[in-house]
N, C-alpha and C. Protein backbone atom coordinates (compact mmCIF):
# COMPACT_ATOMS: atom_id res chain seq x y z
N UNK A 1 93.43 37.40 -11.19
CA UNK A 1 93.32 37.41 -9.37
C UNK A 1 94.81 37.21 -9.04
N UNK A 2 95.47 38.09 -8.49
CA UNK A 2 96.92 37.84 -8.25
C UNK A 2 96.95 36.70 -6.86
N UNK A 3 98.06 35.92 -6.82
CA UNK A 3 98.20 35.10 -5.83
C UNK A 3 98.99 35.85 -4.57
N UNK A 4 98.47 35.37 -3.81
CA UNK A 4 99.01 35.90 -2.53
C UNK A 4 100.31 35.10 -1.92
N UNK A 5 101.59 35.66 -1.79
CA UNK A 5 102.59 34.90 -1.21
C UNK A 5 102.85 35.08 0.29
N UNK A 6 103.22 33.92 0.84
CA UNK A 6 103.49 33.96 2.42
C UNK A 6 104.98 34.33 2.49
N UNK A 7 105.62 35.14 3.36
CA UNK A 7 106.65 35.32 4.00
C UNK A 7 107.15 34.32 4.58
N UNK A 8 107.93 33.22 4.22
CA UNK A 8 108.37 32.15 4.99
C UNK A 8 109.12 32.48 6.07
N UNK A 9 110.18 33.60 5.84
CA UNK A 9 111.14 34.38 6.43
C UNK A 9 110.36 34.68 7.95
N UNK A 10 109.37 35.12 7.88
CA UNK A 10 108.42 35.89 9.04
C UNK A 10 107.78 34.60 9.60
N UNK A 11 107.42 33.98 8.90
CA UNK A 11 106.73 32.70 9.57
C UNK A 11 107.79 31.89 10.55
N UNK A 12 108.91 31.74 10.22
CA UNK A 12 109.72 31.12 10.93
C UNK A 12 110.59 32.04 12.07
N UNK A 13 110.52 33.54 11.67
CA UNK A 13 110.85 34.41 12.83
C UNK A 13 112.33 34.59 12.36
N UNK A 14 112.91 34.49 11.07
CA UNK A 14 114.39 34.76 10.89
C UNK A 14 114.40 35.78 9.93
N UNK A 15 115.65 36.67 9.61
CA UNK A 15 115.74 37.56 8.83
C UNK A 15 116.04 36.90 7.60
N UNK A 16 115.98 37.78 6.73
CA UNK A 16 116.04 37.31 5.08
C UNK A 16 117.61 37.08 4.88
N UNK A 17 118.58 37.58 5.49
CA UNK A 17 120.11 36.86 5.42
C UNK A 17 120.53 36.03 6.66
N UNK A 18 119.65 35.13 6.89
CA UNK A 18 119.85 34.01 8.07
C UNK A 18 120.48 32.90 7.08
N UNK A 19 121.17 32.28 8.15
CA UNK A 19 121.92 31.18 7.48
C UNK A 19 121.24 30.16 7.36
N UNK A 20 121.41 29.01 6.69
CA UNK A 20 120.56 27.81 6.49
C UNK A 20 120.61 26.86 7.86
N UNK A 21 121.86 27.40 8.73
CA UNK A 21 121.70 26.82 10.18
C UNK A 21 120.76 27.47 10.73
N UNK A 22 120.91 28.85 10.60
CA UNK A 22 119.70 29.49 11.65
C UNK A 22 118.26 29.11 11.30
N UNK A 23 118.04 29.04 9.95
CA UNK A 23 116.64 28.78 9.54
C UNK A 23 116.28 27.27 10.06
N UNK A 24 117.40 26.31 9.87
CA UNK A 24 117.02 24.78 10.47
C UNK A 24 116.81 25.06 12.05
N UNK A 25 117.43 25.87 12.72
CA UNK A 25 117.27 26.06 14.16
C UNK A 25 115.88 26.55 14.47
N UNK A 26 115.54 27.66 13.87
CA UNK A 26 114.31 28.18 13.92
C UNK A 26 113.24 27.30 13.57
N UNK A 27 113.35 26.32 12.57
CA UNK A 27 112.29 25.49 12.46
C UNK A 27 112.02 24.50 13.42
N UNK A 28 113.16 23.71 13.73
CA UNK A 28 113.28 22.66 14.82
C UNK A 28 112.53 23.48 16.11
N UNK A 29 112.83 24.61 16.36
CA UNK A 29 112.50 25.13 17.79
C UNK A 29 110.98 25.29 17.72
N UNK A 30 110.29 25.80 16.27
CA UNK A 30 108.89 26.10 16.37
C UNK A 30 108.20 24.77 15.91
N UNK A 31 108.78 23.87 15.34
CA UNK A 31 108.05 22.66 15.43
C UNK A 31 107.79 21.88 16.66
N UNK A 32 108.78 21.64 17.32
CA UNK A 32 108.59 21.38 18.75
C UNK A 32 107.75 21.97 19.57
N UNK A 33 107.55 23.37 19.48
CA UNK A 33 106.55 24.13 20.04
C UNK A 33 105.43 23.92 19.63
N UNK A 34 105.14 23.85 18.40
CA UNK A 34 103.81 23.60 17.81
C UNK A 34 103.37 22.57 17.48
N UNK A 35 104.11 21.28 17.75
CA UNK A 35 103.60 19.85 17.30
C UNK A 35 102.40 19.69 17.82
N UNK A 36 101.64 19.25 17.11
CA UNK A 36 100.03 18.63 17.67
C UNK A 36 100.08 17.85 18.95
N UNK A 37 100.99 16.84 18.85
CA UNK A 37 101.04 15.92 20.04
C UNK A 37 101.73 16.34 21.38
N UNK A 38 102.26 17.66 21.22
CA UNK A 38 102.84 18.16 22.44
C UNK A 38 102.21 19.59 23.16
N UNK A 39 101.45 20.23 21.95
CA UNK A 39 100.79 21.47 22.51
C UNK A 39 99.34 21.15 23.00
N UNK A 40 99.07 22.22 24.00
CA UNK A 40 97.89 22.14 24.63
C UNK A 40 96.75 22.33 23.75
N UNK A 41 96.90 23.49 23.13
CA UNK A 41 95.49 23.83 22.10
C UNK A 41 95.78 23.05 20.85
N UNK A 42 95.47 21.81 20.62
CA UNK A 42 95.79 21.08 19.61
C UNK A 42 95.37 21.48 18.19
N UNK A 43 94.06 22.19 18.06
CA UNK A 43 93.72 22.65 16.68
C UNK A 43 94.59 24.01 16.20
N UNK A 44 94.72 24.97 16.94
CA UNK A 44 95.58 26.11 16.72
C UNK A 44 97.17 25.58 16.33
N UNK A 45 97.41 24.71 17.11
CA UNK A 45 98.71 24.22 17.15
C UNK A 45 98.91 23.28 15.78
N UNK A 46 98.02 22.95 15.33
CA UNK A 46 97.76 21.59 14.12
C UNK A 46 98.05 22.81 13.11
N UNK A 47 97.46 23.88 12.99
CA UNK A 47 97.37 24.85 11.70
C UNK A 47 98.94 25.39 11.72
N UNK A 48 99.31 26.21 13.02
CA UNK A 48 100.54 26.71 13.10
C UNK A 48 101.70 25.85 12.51
N UNK A 49 101.76 24.59 12.85
CA UNK A 49 102.40 23.59 12.66
C UNK A 49 102.69 23.12 10.91
N UNK A 50 101.18 23.27 10.72
CA UNK A 50 101.36 23.20 8.68
C UNK A 50 101.86 24.20 8.21
N UNK A 51 101.80 25.36 8.71
CA UNK A 51 102.47 26.78 8.07
C UNK A 51 103.69 26.47 8.47
N UNK A 52 104.59 26.30 9.40
CA UNK A 52 105.80 26.11 9.56
C UNK A 52 106.45 25.03 8.53
N UNK A 53 105.84 23.88 8.60
CA UNK A 53 106.24 22.69 7.39
C UNK A 53 106.16 23.32 6.06
N UNK A 54 105.12 23.99 5.75
CA UNK A 54 105.18 24.64 4.36
C UNK A 54 106.39 25.64 4.32
N UNK A 55 106.86 26.50 5.41
CA UNK A 55 107.88 27.21 5.29
C UNK A 55 109.19 26.65 4.91
């Protein structure tokens, strides 16, 4: 059974040739947006926040 891989660049919304600074900015923006303490829909935000942290 082959393992399925997630494309972390897509998760963060950056291109594959993004600089480390671009990746950091994208992570921080999404982390703020989907943080369970600040999001309106806490359950879906928590799942998205976990995906972002994994990336």
